[in-house]
Amino acid sequence: MPGRIRRLSAEKGYDADWLRADLRKSGITPIIPGKRGRKSRIRHNK
């Protein structure tokens, strides 16, 4: 389907569990590196 967002790339400032969950519910893969003090590590491919 052309024009549909599949992935969203953002900087560390947008690292929030609620945002990641909302994106996934919408079928969008979040590409957001985790903040340094995050309790659970987020896998992120640089």
PDB file of N, CA and C in Angstrom:
ATOM      1  N   MET A   1       0.848  -1.169   0.000  1.00  0.00           N
ATOM      2  CA  MET A   1       0.000   0.000   0.000  1.00  0.00           C
ATOM      3  C   MET A   1       0.901   1.243   0.000  1.00  0.00           C
ATOM      4  N   PRO A   2       0.949   2.001  -1.070  1.00  0.00           N
ATOM      5  CA  PRO A   2       1.808   3.182  -1.139  1.00  0.00           C
ATOM      6  C   PRO A   2       1.335   4.290  -0.191  1.00  0.00           C
ATOM      7  N   GLY A   3       2.303   5.018   0.352  1.00  0.00           N
ATOM      8  CA  GLY A   3       1.976   6.145   1.211  1.00  0.00           C
ATOM      9  C   GLY A   3       1.777   5.789   2.675  1.00  0.00           C
ATOM     10  N   ARG A   4       1.761   4.511   3.008  1.00  0.00           N
ATOM     11  CA  ARG A   4       1.559   4.096   4.394  1.00  0.00           C
ATOM     12  C   ARG A   4       2.888   4.132   5.139  1.00  0.00           C
ATOM     13  N   ILE A   5       2.883   4.685   6.337  1.00  0.00           N
ATOM     14  CA  ILE A   5       4.094   4.735   7.156  1.00  0.00           C
ATOM     15  C   ILE A   5       4.330   3.363   7.763  1.00  0.00           C
ATOM     16  N   ARG A   6       5.527   2.829   7.585  1.00  0.00           N
ATOM     17  CA  ARG A   6       5.870   1.512   8.130  1.00  0.00           C
ATOM     18  C   ARG A   6       6.846   1.611   9.283  1.00  0.00           C
ATOM     19  N   ARG A   7       7.718   2.612   9.234  1.00  0.00           N
ATOM     20  CA  ARG A   7       8.731   2.803  10.273  1.00  0.00           C
ATOM     21  C   ARG A   7       8.814   4.276  10.633  1.00  0.00           C
ATOM     22  N   LEU A   8       9.112   4.540  11.902  1.00  0.00           N
ATOM     23  CA  LEU A   8       9.303   5.911  12.356  1.00  0.00           C
ATOM     24  C   LEU A   8      10.657   5.999  13.040  1.00  0.00           C
ATOM     25  N   SER A   9      11.520   6.847  12.528  1.00  0.00           N
ATOM     26  CA  SER A   9      12.841   7.049  13.101  1.00  0.00           C
ATOM     27  C   SER A   9      12.828   8.350  13.900  1.00  0.00           C
ATOM     28  N   ALA A  10      13.354   8.291  15.131  1.00  0.00           N
ATOM     29  CA  ALA A  10      13.379   9.479  15.983  1.00  0.00           C
ATOM     30  C   ALA A  10      14.609   9.427  16.883  1.00  0.00           C
ATOM     31  N   GLU A  11      14.904  10.537  17.530  1.00  0.00           N
ATOM     32  CA  GLU A  11      16.055  10.590  18.427  1.00  0.00           C
ATOM     33  C   GLU A  11      15.673  10.150  19.836  1.00  0.00           C
ATOM     34  N   LYS A  12      16.663  10.032  20.709  1.00  0.00           N
ATOM     35  CA  LYS A  12      16.476   9.522  22.070  1.00  0.00           C
ATOM     36  C   LYS A  12      15.402  10.261  22.865  1.00  0.00           C
ATOM     37  N   GLY A  13      15.205  11.518  22.588  1.00  0.00           N
ATOM     38  CA  GLY A  13      14.225  12.314  23.324  1.00  0.00           C
ATOM     39  C   GLY A  13      12.808  11.780  23.205  1.00  0.00           C
ATOM     40  N   TYR A  14      12.554  10.967  22.195  1.00  0.00           N
ATOM     41  CA  TYR A  14      11.222  10.401  21.975  1.00  0.00           C
ATOM     42  C   TYR A  14      11.103   8.983  22.524  1.00  0.00           C
ATOM     43  N   ASP A  15      12.069   8.553  23.316  1.00  0.00           N
ATOM     44  CA  ASP A  15      12.051   7.211  23.900  1.00  0.00           C
ATOM     45  C   ASP A  15      11.048   7.158  25.050  1.00  0.00           C
ATOM     46  N   ALA A  16       9.876   6.593  24.782  1.00  0.00           N
ATOM     47  CA  ALA A  16       8.839   6.426  25.810  1.00  0.00           C
ATOM     48  C   ALA A  16       8.062   5.150  25.492  1.00  0.00           C
ATOM     49  N   ASP A  17       7.800   4.356  26.520  1.00  0.00           N
ATOM     50  CA  ASP A  17       7.081   3.096  26.322  1.00  0.00           C
ATOM     51  C   ASP A  17       5.702   3.321  25.716  1.00  0.00           C
ATOM     52  N   TRP A  18       4.989   4.364  26.168  1.00  0.00           N
ATOM     53  CA  TRP A  18       3.638   4.609  25.653  1.00  0.00           C
ATOM     54  C   TRP A  18       3.678   4.961  24.162  1.00  0.00           C
ATOM     55  N   LEU A  19       4.706   5.703  23.746  1.00  0.00           N
ATOM     56  CA  LEU A  19       4.824   6.072  22.335  1.00  0.00           C
ATOM     57  C   LEU A  19       5.133   4.845  21.486  1.00  0.00           C
ATOM     58  N   ARG A  20       6.044   4.015  21.960  1.00  0.00           N
ATOM     59  CA  ARG A  20       6.376   2.781  21.240  1.00  0.00           C
ATOM     60  C   ARG A  20       5.150   1.883  21.102  1.00  0.00           C
ATOM     61  N   ALA A  21       4.368   1.765  22.175  1.00  0.00           N
ATOM     62  CA  ALA A  21       3.168   0.923  22.144  1.00  0.00           C
ATOM     63  C   ALA A  21       2.138   1.467  21.159  1.00  0.00           C
ATOM     64  N   ASP A  22       1.921   2.776  21.163  1.00  0.00           N
ATOM     65  CA  ASP A  22       0.958   3.380  20.233  1.00  0.00           C
ATOM     66  C   ASP A  22       1.384   3.189  18.783  1.00  0.00           C
ATOM     67  N   LEU A  23       2.675   3.330  18.526  1.00  0.00           N
ATOM     68  CA  LEU A  23       3.171   3.138  17.164  1.00  0.00           C
ATOM     69  C   LEU A  23       2.952   1.694  16.714  1.00  0.00           C
ATOM     70  N   ARG A  24       3.271   0.747  17.592  1.00  0.00           N
ATOM     71  CA  ARG A  24       3.096  -0.669  17.236  1.00  0.00           C
ATOM     72  C   ARG A  24       1.628  -1.010  17.000  1.00  0.00           C
ATOM     73  N   LYS A  25       0.719  -0.444  17.803  1.00  0.00           N
ATOM     74  CA  LYS A  25      -0.718  -0.672  17.607  1.00  0.00           C
ATOM     75  C   LYS A  25      -1.165  -0.183  16.238  1.00  0.00           C
ATOM     76  N   SER A  26      -0.507   0.863  15.755  1.00  0.00           N
ATOM     77  CA  SER A  26      -0.838   1.431  14.446  1.00  0.00           C
ATOM     78  C   SER A  26      -0.112   0.727  13.308  1.00  0.00           C
ATOM     79  N   GLY A  27       0.685  -0.292  13.636  1.00  0.00           N
ATOM     80  CA  GLY A  27       1.408  -1.032  12.609  1.00  0.00           C
ATOM     81  C   GLY A  27       2.697  -0.368  12.166  1.00  0.00           C
ATOM     82  N   ILE A  28       3.219   0.534  12.997  1.00  0.00           N
ATOM     83  CA  ILE A  28       4.445   1.264  12.678  1.00  0.00           C
ATOM     84  C   ILE A  28       5.573   0.739  13.563  1.00  0.00           C
ATOM     85  N   THR A  29       6.713   0.442  12.957  1.00  0.00           N
ATOM     86  CA  THR A  29       7.880  -0.026  13.700  1.00  0.00           C
ATOM     87  C   THR A  29       8.677   1.175  14.193  1.00  0.00           C
ATOM     88  N   PRO A  30       8.811   1.342  15.515  1.00  0.00           N
ATOM     89  CA  PRO A  30       9.602   2.467  16.025  1.00  0.00           C
ATOM     90  C   PRO A  30      11.099   2.186  15.920  1.00  0.00           C
ATOM     91  N   ILE A  31      11.838   3.143  15.404  1.00  0.00           N
ATOM     92  CA  ILE A  31      13.300   3.057  15.330  1.00  0.00           C
ATOM     93  C   ILE A  31      13.818   4.221  16.169  1.00  0.00           C
ATOM     94  N   ILE A  32      13.853   3.980  17.485  1.00  0.00           N
ATOM     95  CA  ILE A  32      14.207   5.018  18.443  1.00  0.00           C
ATOM     96  C   ILE A  32      15.230   4.435  19.415  1.00  0.00           C
ATOM     97  N   PRO A  33      16.423   5.007  19.500  1.00  0.00           N
ATOM     98  CA  PRO A  33      17.394   4.492  20.464  1.00  0.00           C
ATOM     99  C   PRO A  33      16.923   4.766  21.892  1.00  0.00           C
ATOM    100  N   GLY A  34      17.253   3.865  22.804  1.00  0.00           N
ATOM    101  CA  GLY A  34      16.863   4.046  24.199  1.00  0.00           C
ATOM    102  C   GLY A  34      17.737   5.072  24.896  1.00  0.00           C
ATOM    103  N   LYS A  35      17.157   5.726  25.893  1.00  0.00           N
ATOM    104  CA  LYS A  35      17.928   6.673  26.694  1.00  0.00           C
ATOM    105  C   LYS A  35      18.935   5.914  27.555  1.00  0.00           C
ATOM    106  N   ARG A  36      19.958   6.594  27.977  1.00  0.00           N
ATOM    107  CA  ARG A  36      21.044   5.974  28.741  1.00  0.00           C
ATOM    108  C   ARG A  36      20.552   5.355  30.052  1.00  0.00           C
ATOM    109  N   GLY A  37      19.674   5.994  30.790  1.00  0.00           N
ATOM    110  CA  GLY A  37      19.231   5.513  32.088  1.00  0.00           C
ATOM    111  C   GLY A  37      18.048   4.558  32.041  1.00  0.00           C
ATOM    112  N   ARG A  38      17.701   4.071  30.885  1.00  0.00           N
ATOM    113  CA  ARG A  38      16.539   3.190  30.723  1.00  0.00           C
ATOM    114  C   ARG A  38      16.762   1.870  31.454  1.00  0.00           C
ATOM    115  N   LYS A  39      15.737   1.416  32.205  1.00  0.00           N
ATOM    116  CA  LYS A  39      15.866   0.176  32.975  1.00  0.00           C
ATOM    117  C   LYS A  39      15.927  -1.045  32.070  1.00  0.00           C
ATOM    118  N   SER A  40      15.057  -1.104  31.072  1.00  0.00           N
ATOM    119  CA  SER A  40      15.085  -2.230  30.132  1.00  0.00           C
ATOM    120  C   SER A  40      15.701  -1.758  28.825  1.00  0.00           C
ATOM    121  N   ARG A  41      16.723  -2.462  28.384  1.00  0.00           N
ATOM    122  CA  ARG A  41      17.426  -2.064  27.156  1.00  0.00           C
ATOM    123  C   ARG A  41      16.555  -2.232  25.931  1.00  0.00           C
ATOM    124  N   ILE A  42      16.701  -1.326  25.007  1.00  0.00           N
ATOM    125  CA  ILE A  42      16.013  -1.375  23.727  1.00  0.00           C
ATOM    126  C   ILE A  42      17.048  -1.736  22.672  1.00  0.00           C
ATOM    127  N   ARG A  43      16.751  -2.753  21.889  1.00  0.00           N
ATOM    128  CA  ARG A  43      17.665  -3.111  20.801  1.00  0.00           C
ATOM    129  C   ARG A  43      17.524  -2.076  19.700  1.00  0.00           C
ATOM    130  N   HIS A  44      18.648  -1.538  19.289  1.00  0.00           N
ATOM    131  CA  HIS A  44      18.654  -0.502  18.262  1.00  0.00           C
ATOM    132  C   HIS A  44      19.855  -0.710  17.362  1.00  0.00           C
ATOM    133  N   ASN A  45      19.610  -0.803  16.079  1.00  0.00           N
ATOM    134  CA  ASN A  45      20.679  -0.988  15.114  1.00  0.00           C
ATOM    135  C   ASN A  45      21.120   0.369  14.597  1.00  0.00           C
ATOM    136  N   LYS A  46      22.348   0.759  14.910  1.00  0.00           N
ATOM    137  CA  LYS A  46      22.865   2.043  14.451  1.00  0.00           C
ATOM    138  C   LYS A  46      23.136   1.949  12.985  1.00  0.00           C
TER     139      LYS A  46
END
